[in-house]
C-alpha atoms as a PDB file:
ATOM      1  CA  MET A   1     -15.889   8.361 -14.112  1.00  0.00           C
ATOM      2  CA  GLU A   2     -15.722   5.041 -12.294  1.00  0.00           C
ATOM      3  CA  ILE A   3     -13.389   5.169  -9.290  1.00  0.00           C
ATOM      4  CA  THR A   4     -11.933   2.260  -7.327  1.00  0.00           C
ATOM      5  CA  LEU A   5     -11.484   3.284  -3.697  1.00  0.00           C
ATOM      6  CA  LEU A   6      -8.769   1.561  -1.676  1.00  0.00           C
ATOM      7  CA  ASP A   7      -8.578   1.339   2.102  1.00  0.00           C
ATOM      8  CA  GLY A   8      -6.278   3.478   4.242  1.00  0.00           C
ATOM      9  CA  GLY A   9      -3.401   2.965   6.642  1.00  0.00           C
ATOM     10  CA  MET A  10      -3.220  -0.116   8.849  1.00  0.00           C
ATOM     11  CA  GLY A  11      -0.136  -0.024  11.080  1.00  0.00           C
ATOM     12  CA  GLN A  12      -0.512   3.392  12.698  1.00  0.00           C
ATOM     13  CA  GLU A  13      -4.284   3.058  13.062  1.00  0.00           C
ATOM     14  CA  LEU A  14      -3.814  -0.274  14.821  1.00  0.00           C
ATOM     15  CA  CYS A  15      -1.362   1.467  17.154  1.00  0.00           C
ATOM     16  CA  HIS A  16      -4.022   4.014  18.025  1.00  0.00           C
ATOM     17  CA  ARG A  17      -6.595   1.289  18.688  1.00  0.00           C
ATOM     18  CA  SER A  18      -4.377  -0.869  20.881  1.00  0.00           C
ATOM     19  CA  SER A  19      -3.491  -0.254  24.509  1.00  0.00           C
ATOM     20  CA  ASN A  20      -0.273  -2.269  24.187  1.00  0.00           C
ATOM     21  CA  PRO A  21       3.208  -0.789  23.710  1.00  0.00           C
ATOM     22  CA  ILE A  22       4.521  -0.560  20.163  1.00  0.00           C
ATOM     23  CA  HIS A  23       7.629  -2.388  19.021  1.00  0.00           C
ATOM     24  CA  ALA A  24       9.489  -3.060  15.785  1.00  0.00           C
ATOM     25  CA  GLU A  25       7.491  -6.133  14.728  1.00  0.00           C
ATOM     26  CA  TRP A  26       4.189  -4.388  15.446  1.00  0.00           C
ATOM     27  CA  GLY A  27       2.392  -5.457  12.256  1.00  0.00           C
ATOM     28  CA  GLY A  28       2.743  -9.149  13.055  1.00  0.00           C
ATOM     29  CA  TRP A  29       2.437  -8.800  16.834  1.00  0.00           C
ATOM     30  CA  VAL A  30      -0.924  -7.061  16.816  1.00  0.00           C
ATOM     31  CA  MET A  31      -2.320  -9.617  14.383  1.00  0.00           C
ATOM     32  CA  ARG A  32      -1.237 -12.530  16.557  1.00  0.00           C
ATOM     33  CA  ASN A  33      -2.251 -10.993  19.885  1.00  0.00           C
ATOM     34  CA  GLU A  34      -5.170  -8.702  19.041  1.00  0.00           C
ATOM     35  CA  PRO A  35      -6.597 -10.110  15.804  1.00  0.00           C
ATOM     36  CA  HIS A  36      -9.989  -8.547  16.495  1.00  0.00           C
ATOM     37  CA  LEU A  37      -8.434  -5.110  15.988  1.00  0.00           C
ATOM     38  CA  VAL A  38      -7.270  -6.051  12.492  1.00  0.00           C
ATOM     39  CA  ARG A  39     -10.643  -7.534  11.549  1.00  0.00           C
ATOM     40  CA  GLU A  40     -12.532  -4.524  12.921  1.00  0.00           C
ATOM     41  CA  LEU A  41     -10.288  -2.081  11.043  1.00  0.00           C
ATOM     42  CA  HIS A  42     -10.861  -3.942   7.777  1.00  0.00           C
ATOM     43  CA  GLU A  43     -14.603  -3.765   8.478  1.00  0.00           C
ATOM     44  CA  ASP A  44     -14.416  -0.044   9.181  1.00  0.00           C
ATOM     45  CA  TYR A  45     -12.717   0.582   5.848  1.00  0.00           C
ATOM     46  CA  LEU A  46     -15.315  -1.492   4.050  1.00  0.00           C
ATOM     47  CA  ARG A  47     -18.155   0.382   5.726  1.00  0.00           C
ATOM     48  CA  ALA A  48     -16.428   3.644   4.824  1.00  0.00           C
ATOM     49  CA  GLY A  49     -16.749   2.679   1.158  1.00  0.00           C
ATOM     50  CA  ALA A  50     -13.503   0.923   0.237  1.00  0.00           C
ATOM     51  CA  GLY A  51     -13.802  -1.300  -2.809  1.00  0.00           C
ATOM     52  CA  VAL A  52     -10.411  -2.933  -2.177  1.00  0.00           C
ATOM     53  CA  ILE A  53      -8.859  -3.899   1.163  1.00  0.00           C
ATOM     54  CA  THR A  54      -5.265  -5.088   1.417  1.00  0.00           C
ATOM     55  CA  LEU A  55      -4.081  -7.963   3.594  1.00  0.00           C
ATOM     56  CA  ASN A  56      -2.323  -6.923   6.803  1.00  0.00           C
ATOM     57  CA  THR A  57       0.892  -8.627   5.687  1.00  0.00           C
ATOM     58  CA  TYR A  58       3.107  -5.644   4.916  1.00  0.00           C
ATOM     59  CA  ALA A  59       5.420  -6.640   7.782  1.00  0.00           C
ATOM     60  CA  THR A  60       5.156 -10.376   7.112  1.00  0.00           C
ATOM     61  CA  THR A  61       7.702 -11.360   4.477  1.00  0.00           C
ATOM     62  CA  PRO A  62       9.960 -14.440   4.308  1.00  0.00           C
ATOM     63  CA  ARG A  63      13.003 -12.313   5.007  1.00  0.00           C
ATOM     64  CA  VAL A  64      11.585 -10.440   7.989  1.00  0.00           C
ATOM     65  CA  SER A  65      10.155 -13.645   9.454  1.00  0.00           C
ATOM     66  CA  GLU A  66      13.551 -15.376   9.348  1.00  0.00           C
ATOM     67  CA  ASP A  67      14.967 -13.159  12.073  1.00  0.00           C
ATOM     68  CA  THR A  68      13.076 -10.373  13.814  1.00  0.00           C
ATOM     69  CA  HIS A  69      15.200  -9.157  16.716  1.00  0.00           C
ATOM     70  CA  GLY A  70      16.482 -12.647  17.375  1.00  0.00           C
ATOM     71  CA  GLN A  71      13.102 -14.336  17.086  1.00  0.00           C
ATOM     72  CA  THR A  72      11.880 -16.469  14.202  1.00  0.00           C
ATOM     73  CA  ARG A  73       8.265 -15.808  13.230  1.00  0.00           C
ATOM     74  CA  ASP A  74       5.754 -18.066  11.508  1.00  0.00           C
ATOM     75  CA  PHE A  75       5.635 -16.499   8.051  1.00  0.00           C
ATOM     76  CA  GLU A  76       3.018 -18.818   6.593  1.00  0.00           C
ATOM     77  CA  GLY A  77       0.911 -18.816   9.758  1.00  0.00           C
ATOM     78  CA  GLU A  78       0.797 -15.016   9.894  1.00  0.00           C
ATOM     79  CA  GLN A  79      -0.066 -14.856   6.205  1.00  0.00           C
ATOM     80  CA  LYS A  80      -2.954 -17.287   6.649  1.00  0.00           C
ATOM     81  CA  LEU A  81      -4.232 -15.388   9.680  1.00  0.00           C
ATOM     82  CA  ALA A  82      -4.226 -12.142   7.707  1.00  0.00           C
ATOM     83  CA  ILE A  83      -6.194 -13.836   4.929  1.00  0.00           C
ATOM     84  CA  GLU A  84      -8.746 -15.156   7.429  1.00  0.00           C
ATOM     85  CA  LEU A  85      -9.197 -11.759   9.100  1.00  0.00           C
ATOM     86  CA  ALA A  86      -9.719  -9.922   5.808  1.00  0.00           C
ATOM     87  CA  SER A  87     -12.152 -12.562   4.534  1.00  0.00           C
ATOM     88  CA  ASP A  88     -14.121 -12.528   7.791  1.00  0.00           C
ATOM     89  CA  ALA A  89     -14.326  -8.739   7.682  1.00  0.00           C
ATOM     90  CA  ARG A  90     -15.624  -8.735   4.125  1.00  0.00           C
ATOM     91  CA  GLU A  91     -18.301 -11.253   5.030  1.00  0.00           C
ATOM     92  CA  ALA A  92     -19.307  -9.351   8.174  1.00  0.00           C
ATOM     93  CA  ALA A  93     -19.588  -6.102   6.231  1.00  0.00           C
ATOM     94  CA  GLY A  94     -21.639  -7.726   3.490  1.00  0.00           C
ATOM     95  CA  SER A  95     -19.272  -6.194   0.978  1.00  0.00           C
ATOM     96  CA  ALA A  96     -18.487  -6.938  -2.647  1.00  0.00           C
ATOM     97  CA  ALA A  97     -15.015  -5.472  -2.202  1.00  0.00           C
ATOM     98  CA  ARG A  98     -11.920  -7.211  -3.502  1.00  0.00           C
ATOM     99  CA  ILE A  99      -9.081  -8.394  -1.304  1.00  0.00           C
ATOM    100  CA  ALA A 100      -5.582  -7.493  -2.456  1.00  0.00           C
ATOM    101  CA  GLY A 101      -2.453  -9.439  -1.622  1.00  0.00           C
ATOM    102  CA  SER A 102       0.478  -7.264  -0.585  1.00  0.00           C
ATOM    103  CA  LEU A 103       3.969  -7.597  -2.045  1.00  0.00           C
ATOM    104  CA  PRO A 104       5.905  -5.027   0.023  1.00  0.00           C
ATOM    105  CA  PRO A 105       9.610  -4.288   0.404  1.00  0.00           C
ATOM    106  CA  LEU A 106      11.136  -7.526   1.644  1.00  0.00           C
ATOM    107  CA  SER A 107      13.415  -6.017   4.285  1.00  0.00           C
ATOM    108  CA  TRP A 108      12.759  -2.332   4.912  1.00  0.00           C
ATOM    109  CA  SER A 109      10.784   0.552   3.404  1.00  0.00           C
ATOM    110  CA  TYR A 110      12.228   3.711   1.832  1.00  0.00           C
ATOM    111  CA  ARG A 111      15.747   2.291   1.646  1.00  0.00           C
ATOM    112  CA  PRO A 112      16.821   1.652  -1.963  1.00  0.00           C
ATOM    113  CA  SER A 113      20.272   0.650  -0.704  1.00  0.00           C
ATOM    114  CA  LEU A 114      18.727  -2.340   1.115  1.00  0.00           C
ATOM    115  CA  VAL A 115      17.038  -3.758  -1.986  1.00  0.00           C
ATOM    116  CA  GLU A 116      18.848  -7.014  -2.695  1.00  0.00           C
ATOM    117  CA  ALA A 117      19.602  -8.907  -5.904  1.00  0.00           C
ATOM    118  CA  PHE A 118      16.782  -9.327  -8.404  1.00  0.00           C
ATOM    119  CA  ASP A 119      16.779 -13.142  -8.444  1.00  0.00           C
ATOM    120  CA  ARG A 120      16.688 -13.424  -4.654  1.00  0.00           C
ATOM    121  CA  ASN A 121      13.846 -10.910  -4.489  1.00  0.00           C
ATOM    122  CA  VAL A 122      11.801 -12.781  -7.089  1.00  0.00           C
ATOM    123  CA  ALA A 123      12.267 -16.024  -5.148  1.00  0.00           C
ATOM    124  CA  ASP A 124      11.005 -14.455  -1.911  1.00  0.00           C
ATOM    125  CA  TYR A 125       8.085 -12.743  -3.610  1.00  0.00           C
ATOM    126  CA  ARG A 126       7.087 -16.104  -5.074  1.00  0.00           C
ATOM    127  CA  LYS A 127       6.807 -17.470  -1.526  1.00  0.00           C
ATOM    128  CA  ILE A 128       4.293 -14.737  -0.671  1.00  0.00           C
ATOM    129  CA  VAL A 129       2.332 -15.258  -3.872  1.00  0.00           C
ATOM    130  CA  GLU A 130       2.162 -19.003  -3.261  1.00  0.00           C
ATOM    131  CA  VAL A 131       0.437 -18.517   0.103  1.00  0.00           C
ATOM    132  CA  GLU A 132      -1.914 -15.723  -0.952  1.00  0.00           C
ATOM    133  CA  VAL A 133      -2.865 -16.593  -4.518  1.00  0.00           C
ATOM    134  CA  ASP A 134      -5.950 -18.712  -3.818  1.00  0.00           C
ATOM    135  CA  HIS A 135      -7.370 -16.186  -1.363  1.00  0.00           C
ATOM    136  CA  VAL A 136      -6.960 -12.797  -3.024  1.00  0.00           C
ATOM    137  CA  ASP A 137      -8.495 -11.096  -6.041  1.00  0.00           C
ATOM    138  CA  LEU A 138      -5.401  -9.165  -7.108  1.00  0.00           C
ATOM    139  CA  PHE A 139      -1.860  -8.322  -6.024  1.00  0.00           C
ATOM    140  CA  ILE A 140      -0.438  -4.897  -5.199  1.00  0.00           C
ATOM    141  CA  CYS A 141       3.344  -4.586  -5.379  1.00  0.00           C
ATOM    142  CA  GLU A 142       3.515  -1.584  -3.061  1.00  0.00           C
ATOM    143  CA  THR A 143       5.999   0.943  -1.732  1.00  0.00           C
ATOM    144  CA  MET A 144       8.585  -0.068  -4.311  1.00  0.00           C
ATOM    145  CA  SER A 145      11.591   2.264  -3.972  1.00  0.00           C
ATOM    146  CA  THR A 146      13.522   1.185  -7.089  1.00  0.00           C
ATOM    147  CA  ALA A 147      12.536   0.218 -10.604  1.00  0.00           C
ATOM    148  CA  GLU A 148      14.144  -3.218 -10.255  1.00  0.00           C
ATOM    149  CA  GLU A 149      12.383  -3.873  -6.945  1.00  0.00           C
ATOM    150  CA  GLY A 150       9.079  -3.206  -8.684  1.00  0.00           C
ATOM    151  CA  ARG A 151       9.993  -5.526 -11.527  1.00  0.00           C
ATOM    152  CA  ALA A 152      10.962  -8.322  -9.136  1.00  0.00           C
ATOM    153  CA  ALA A 153       7.665  -8.150  -7.262  1.00  0.00           C
ATOM    154  CA  ALA A 154       5.664  -7.869 -10.469  1.00  0.00           C
ATOM    155  CA  THR A 155       7.491 -10.831 -12.019  1.00  0.00           C
ATOM    156  CA  ALA A 156       6.363 -13.098  -9.191  1.00  0.00           C
ATOM    157  CA  ALA A 157       2.865 -11.631  -9.040  1.00  0.00           C
ATOM    158  CA  CYS A 158       2.247 -11.942 -12.767  1.00  0.00           C
ATOM    159  CA  GLU A 159       2.926 -15.695 -12.568  1.00  0.00           C
ATOM    160  CA  SER A 160      -0.241 -15.988 -10.444  1.00  0.00           C
ATOM    161  CA  GLY A 161      -2.637 -15.182 -13.255  1.00  0.00           C
ATOM    162  CA  LYS A 162      -4.322 -12.597 -11.001  1.00  0.00           C
ATOM    163  CA  PRO A 163      -4.449  -8.864 -11.845  1.00  0.00           C
ATOM    164  CA  VAL A 164      -1.262  -7.090 -10.737  1.00  0.00           C
ATOM    165  CA  TRP A 165      -0.836  -3.453  -9.733  1.00  0.00           C
ATOM    166  CA  VAL A 166       2.572  -1.881  -9.122  1.00  0.00           C
ATOM    167  CA  SER A 167       2.973   1.104  -6.809  1.00  0.00           C
ATOM    168  CA  TRP A 168       6.169   3.074  -6.174  1.00  0.00           C
ATOM    169  CA  THR A 169       7.108   5.347  -3.278  1.00  0.00           C
ATOM    170  CA  LEU A 170       8.498   8.766  -4.139  1.00  0.00           C
ATOM    171  CA  ALA A 171      11.298  10.915  -2.783  1.00  0.00           C
ATOM    172  CA  PRO A 172       9.882  13.538  -0.381  1.00  0.00           C
ATOM    173  CA  ALA A 173      11.233  16.438  -2.449  1.00  0.00           C
ATOM    174  CA  LEU A 174      11.065  17.097  -6.164  1.00  0.00           C
ATOM    175  CA  ALA A 175      14.225  16.745  -8.232  1.00  0.00           C
ATOM    176  CA  GLU A 176      16.099  19.831  -9.449  1.00  0.00           C
ATOM    177  CA  ASP A 177      14.243  19.615 -12.757  1.00  0.00           C
ATOM    178  CA  GLY A 178      10.899  19.745 -10.941  1.00  0.00           C
ATOM    179  CA  THR A 179      10.018  16.101 -11.524  1.00  0.00           C
ATOM    180  CA  ALA A 180       8.901  13.506  -9.011  1.00  0.00           C
ATOM    181  CA  ARG A 181      11.370  10.640  -8.643  1.00  0.00           C
ATOM    182  CA  LEU A 182      11.434   7.270  -6.938  1.00  0.00           C
ATOM    183  CA  ARG A 183      13.367   7.202  -3.677  1.00  0.00           C
ATOM    184  CA  SER A 184      16.192   5.673  -5.725  1.00  0.00           C
ATOM    185  CA  GLY A 185      16.305   8.820  -7.861  1.00  0.00           C
ATOM    186  CA  GLU A 186      14.950   6.990 -10.909  1.00  0.00           C
ATOM    187  CA  THR A 187      12.287   8.670 -13.029  1.00  0.00           C
ATOM    188  CA  ILE A 188       8.690   7.553 -13.391  1.00  0.00           C
ATOM    189  CA  ALA A 189       9.447   6.692 -17.024  1.00  0.00           C
ATOM    190  CA  GLU A 190      12.317   4.432 -15.949  1.00  0.00           C
ATOM    191  CA  ALA A 191      10.104   2.726 -13.390  1.00  0.00           C
ATOM    192  CA  CYS A 192       7.406   2.055 -15.990  1.00  0.00           C
ATOM    193  CA  ALA A 193       9.938   0.855 -18.553  1.00  0.00           C
ATOM    194  CA  ALA A 194      11.249  -1.728 -16.076  1.00  0.00           C
ATOM    195  CA  LEU A 195       7.865  -3.458 -16.323  1.00  0.00           C
ATOM    196  CA  ASP A 196       8.130  -4.032 -20.085  1.00  0.00           C
ATOM    197  CA  GLY A 197       6.966  -7.520 -21.005  1.00  0.00           C
ATOM    198  CA  LEU A 198       4.943  -7.989 -17.810  1.00  0.00           C
ATOM    199  CA  ASP A 199       1.152  -8.042 -17.748  1.00  0.00           C
ATOM    200  CA  VAL A 200       0.704  -5.280 -15.159  1.00  0.00           C
ATOM    201  CA  ALA A 201      -2.852  -3.965 -15.023  1.00  0.00           C
ATOM    202  CA  ALA A 202      -2.379  -0.663 -13.181  1.00  0.00           C
ATOM    203  CA  LEU A 203       0.324   1.740 -12.028  1.00  0.00           C
ATOM    204  CA  LEU A 204       0.274   3.712  -8.796  1.00  0.00           C
ATOM    205  CA  VAL A 205       2.337   5.717  -6.346  1.00  0.00           C
ATOM    206  CA  ASN A 206       1.920   5.373  -2.583  1.00  0.00           C
ATOM    207  CA  CYS A 207       3.434   6.237   0.792  1.00  0.00           C
ATOM    208  CA  SER A 208       4.466   9.657  -0.494  1.00  0.00           C
ATOM    209  CA  THR A 209       3.319  13.190   0.222  1.00  0.00           C
ATOM    210  CA  PRO A 210       0.160  14.301  -1.605  1.00  0.00           C
ATOM    211  CA  GLU A 211       2.055  17.285  -3.005  1.00  0.00           C
ATOM    212  CA  VAL A 212       4.720  15.133  -4.682  1.00  0.00           C
ATOM    213  CA  THR A 213       2.169  12.512  -5.657  1.00  0.00           C
ATOM    214  CA  ILE A 214       0.264  14.791  -7.996  1.00  0.00           C
ATOM    215  CA  VAL A 215       3.468  15.741  -9.815  1.00  0.00           C
ATOM    216  CA  ALA A 216       4.112  12.047 -10.549  1.00  0.00           C
ATOM    217  CA  LEU A 217       0.680  11.229 -11.943  1.00  0.00           C
ATOM    218  CA  PRO A 218       1.100  12.681 -15.470  1.00  0.00           C
ATOM    219  CA  GLY A 219       4.070  10.340 -15.890  1.00  0.00           C
ATOM    220  CA  LEU A 220       1.895   7.378 -14.983  1.00  0.00           C
ATOM    221  CA  ALA A 221      -0.817   8.619 -17.325  1.00  0.00           C
ATOM    222  CA  ARG A 222       1.590   8.690 -20.246  1.00  0.00           C
ATOM    223  CA  ASP A 223       2.118   4.937 -19.882  1.00  0.00           C
ATOM    224  CA  GLY A 224      -1.509   4.379 -20.911  1.00  0.00           C
ATOM    225  CA  ARG A 225      -2.587   1.922 -18.226  1.00  0.00           C
ATOM    226  CA  PRO A 226      -5.082   2.724 -15.445  1.00  0.00           C
ATOM    227  CA  PHE A 227      -3.302   4.621 -12.693  1.00  0.00           C
ATOM    228  CA  GLY A 228      -3.803   6.127  -9.291  1.00  0.00           C
ATOM    229  CA  ALA A 229      -2.370   6.906  -5.871  1.00  0.00           C
ATOM    230  CA  TYR A 230      -2.662   6.471  -2.132  1.00  0.00           C
ATOM    231  CA  ALA A 231      -0.593   8.970  -0.190  1.00  0.00           C
ATOM    232  CA  ASN A 232       0.517   9.233   3.417  1.00  0.00           C
ATOM    233  CA  ALA A 233      -0.536  11.869   5.941  1.00  0.00           C
ATOM    234  CA  PHE A 234       2.478  12.030   8.233  1.00  0.00           C
ATOM    235  CA  SER A 235       4.826  14.930   8.804  1.00  0.00           C
ATOM    236  CA  ALA A 236       8.240  13.301   9.199  1.00  0.00           C
ATOM    237  CA  ASP A 237      10.656  12.537   6.364  1.00  0.00           C
ATOM    238  CA  LEU A 238      11.355   8.853   6.923  1.00  0.00           C
ATOM    239  CA  SER A 239      14.090   8.521   4.315  1.00  0.00           C
ATOM    240  CA  ALA A 240      16.498   7.767   7.158  1.00  0.00           C
ATOM    241  CA  TYR A 241      14.001   5.559   9.033  1.00  0.00           C
ATOM    242  CA  ALA A 242      16.391   2.957  10.427  1.00  0.00           C
ATOM    243  CA  PRO A 243      15.788  -0.785  10.773  1.00  0.00           C
ATOM    244  CA  GLY A 244      14.676  -1.525  14.329  1.00  0.00           C
ATOM    245  CA  GLU A 245      12.911   1.800  14.858  1.00  0.00           C
ATOM    246  CA  THR A 246       9.189   1.745  15.606  1.00  0.00           C
ATOM    247  CA  VAL A 247       6.324   3.598  13.986  1.00  0.00           C
ATOM    248  CA  GLU A 248       6.167   5.873  17.033  1.00  0.00           C
ATOM    249  CA  VAL A 249       8.436   8.251  15.107  1.00  0.00           C
ATOM    250  CA  ILE A 250       5.564   8.876  12.668  1.00  0.00           C
ATOM    251  CA  GLU A 251       3.415  11.921  13.415  1.00  0.00           C
ATOM    252  CA  ASN A 252       0.226  13.227  11.845  1.00  0.00           C
ATOM    253  CA  ARG A 253       0.311  16.277   9.645  1.00  0.00           C
ATOM    254  CA  THR A 254      -2.013  18.935  11.011  1.00  0.00           C
ATOM    255  CA  ASP A 255      -3.137  20.031   7.540  1.00  0.00           C
ATOM    256  CA  LEU A 256      -4.359  16.662   6.251  1.00  0.00           C
ATOM    257  CA  ASP A 257      -7.604  16.006   8.081  1.00  0.00           C
ATOM    258  CA  PRO A 258     -10.202  13.988   6.127  1.00  0.00           C
ATOM    259  CA  PRO A 259     -11.647  16.931   4.133  1.00  0.00           C
ATOM    260  CA  ALA A 260      -8.200  18.251   3.201  1.00  0.00           C
ATOM    261  CA  TYR A 261      -6.936  14.812   2.198  1.00  0.00           C
ATOM    262  CA  ALA A 262     -10.049  14.200   0.107  1.00  0.00           C
ATOM    263  CA  GLY A 263      -9.354  17.460  -1.694  1.00  0.00           C
ATOM    264  CA  HIS A 264      -5.972  16.140  -2.759  1.00  0.00           C
ATOM    265  CA  VAL A 265      -7.594  12.917  -3.954  1.00  0.00           C
ATOM    266  CA  LEU A 266     -10.036  14.870  -6.126  1.00  0.00           C
ATOM    267  CA  SER A 267      -7.082  16.674  -7.722  1.00  0.00           C
ATOM    268  CA  TRP A 268      -5.586  13.280  -8.600  1.00  0.00           C
ATOM    269  CA  ILE A 269      -8.853  12.206 -10.186  1.00  0.00           C
ATOM    270  CA  GLU A 270      -8.814  15.381 -12.279  1.00  0.00           C
ATOM    271  CA  THR A 271      -5.545  14.130 -13.836  1.00  0.00           C
ATOM    272  CA  GLY A 272      -7.301  10.872 -14.825  1.00  0.00           C
ATOM    273  CA  ALA A 273      -6.541   8.709 -11.783  1.00  0.00           C
ATOM    274  CA  THR A 274      -9.159   5.991 -11.288  1.00  0.00           C
ATOM    275  CA  ILE A 275      -7.666   4.115  -8.300  1.00  0.00           C
ATOM    276  CA  VAL A 276      -7.327   6.134  -5.091  1.00  0.00           C
ATOM    277  CA  GLY A 277      -7.052   5.571  -1.357  1.00  0.00           C
ATOM    278  CA  GLY A 278      -4.874   6.277   1.651  1.00  0.00           C
ATOM    279  CA  CYS A 279      -1.592   5.094   3.136  1.00  0.00           C
ATOM    280  CA  CYS A 280       0.149   5.731   6.466  1.00  0.00           C
ATOM    281  CA  GLN A 281      -1.781   7.868   8.983  1.00  0.00           C
ATOM    282  CA  THR A 282      -4.973   7.893   6.927  1.00  0.00           C
ATOM    283  CA  THR A 283      -7.977   6.400   8.695  1.00  0.00           C
ATOM    284  CA  PRO A 284     -11.491   5.123   7.998  1.00  0.00           C
ATOM    285  CA  ALA A 285     -12.648   8.715   8.472  1.00  0.00           C
ATOM    286  CA  HIS A 286     -10.355   9.794   5.620  1.00  0.00           C
ATOM    287  CA  ILE A 287     -11.667   7.048   3.347  1.00  0.00           C
ATOM    288  CA  ALA A 288     -15.289   7.846   4.216  1.00  0.00           C
ATOM    289  CA  GLU A 289     -14.721  11.512   3.373  1.00  0.00           C
ATOM    290  CA  VAL A 290     -12.996  10.585   0.110  1.00  0.00           C
ATOM    291  CA  ALA A 291     -16.000   8.403  -0.753  1.00  0.00           C
ATOM    292  CA  ARG A 292     -18.368  11.267   0.055  1.00  0.00           C
ATOM    293  CA  GLN A 293     -16.498  13.881  -1.955  1.00  0.00           C
ATOM    294  CA  VAL A 294     -15.868  11.579  -4.916  1.00  0.00           C
ATOM    295  CA  SER A 295     -19.563  10.699  -5.103  1.00  0.00           C
ATOM    296  CA  ALA A 296     -20.606  14.337  -4.631  1.00  0.00           C
ATOM    297  CA  SER A 297     -18.361  15.269  -7.566  1.00  0.00           C
ATOM    298  CA  GLY A 298     -20.368  13.016  -9.868  1.00  0.00           C
ATOM    299  CA  HIS A 299     -18.051  10.025  -9.981  1.00  0.00           C
ATOM    300  CA  ARG A 300     -19.178   6.472  -9.248  1.00  0.00           C
ATOM    301  CA  LEU A 301     -17.450   4.218  -6.752  1.00  0.00           C
ATOM    302  CA  VAL A 302     -17.141   0.657  -8.009  1.00  0.00           C
ATOM    303  CA  GLY A 303     -16.802  -2.554  -6.007  1.00  0.00           C
ATOM    304  CA  SER A 304     -17.696  -1.098  -2.608  1.00  0.00           C
ATOM    305  CA  ALA A 305     -20.275  -2.294  -0.075  1.00  0.00           C
END
């Protein structure tokens, strides 16, 4: 089977590589002040075998840039810098990998109650698409916590004419009926149905535990489109992760080293997943081990270096 391998986590790995203190606008700060770290991390993922790297713009949205702890940030400037760093890394690695634009939660992750009105969300997502569209190969609407949030991001992304993938984040515990649900409580079927009429090329789940992730995948498979996952490897339940807190509250799980994580990925592939990778607290070592185990299992990685 042909497998597309994504990159892994950015924010926490950049924290580990930097000697500077972490603060709430870390994703943008490290890019502005230590851009070499971002470029080098992209390169490391490419050399590990990633066939898709995602722009380091998860924390750079129009809404966040308007007011981050009393300071206005340069949304477009940060976006363009992220594009430059990813492009430079791909060239330096001599890779054929694709670059994905990121359409993340506009205000805060894991908080369905903070998802604003559909029309306002579409308008802000269009601003991101406008900056990224000429520099990326596809868009990933990622860490969507509600069905409507996913539809808003996908609506803007689909106007670009580029391939669009939608990825939802899951509640950390299964529902009473044993199913995996979005953090909003909505079902996978409801999330997929919200995309009716949109030309979405693939469906994923991300920033969720590997154990809940695998329960969600049959629901994605039933939709009929290519599907996959990229899970996190941290131990804390961040459902109550409050605006203004830093990623220092995130800790590694002790049972998800690269070989163990790769084992979970292989179980996803056994369900039919063809797009896999890592999210928070996964590293280039995780992605390299996934590449090794996927290849050793007889599958072929596509689009990598």
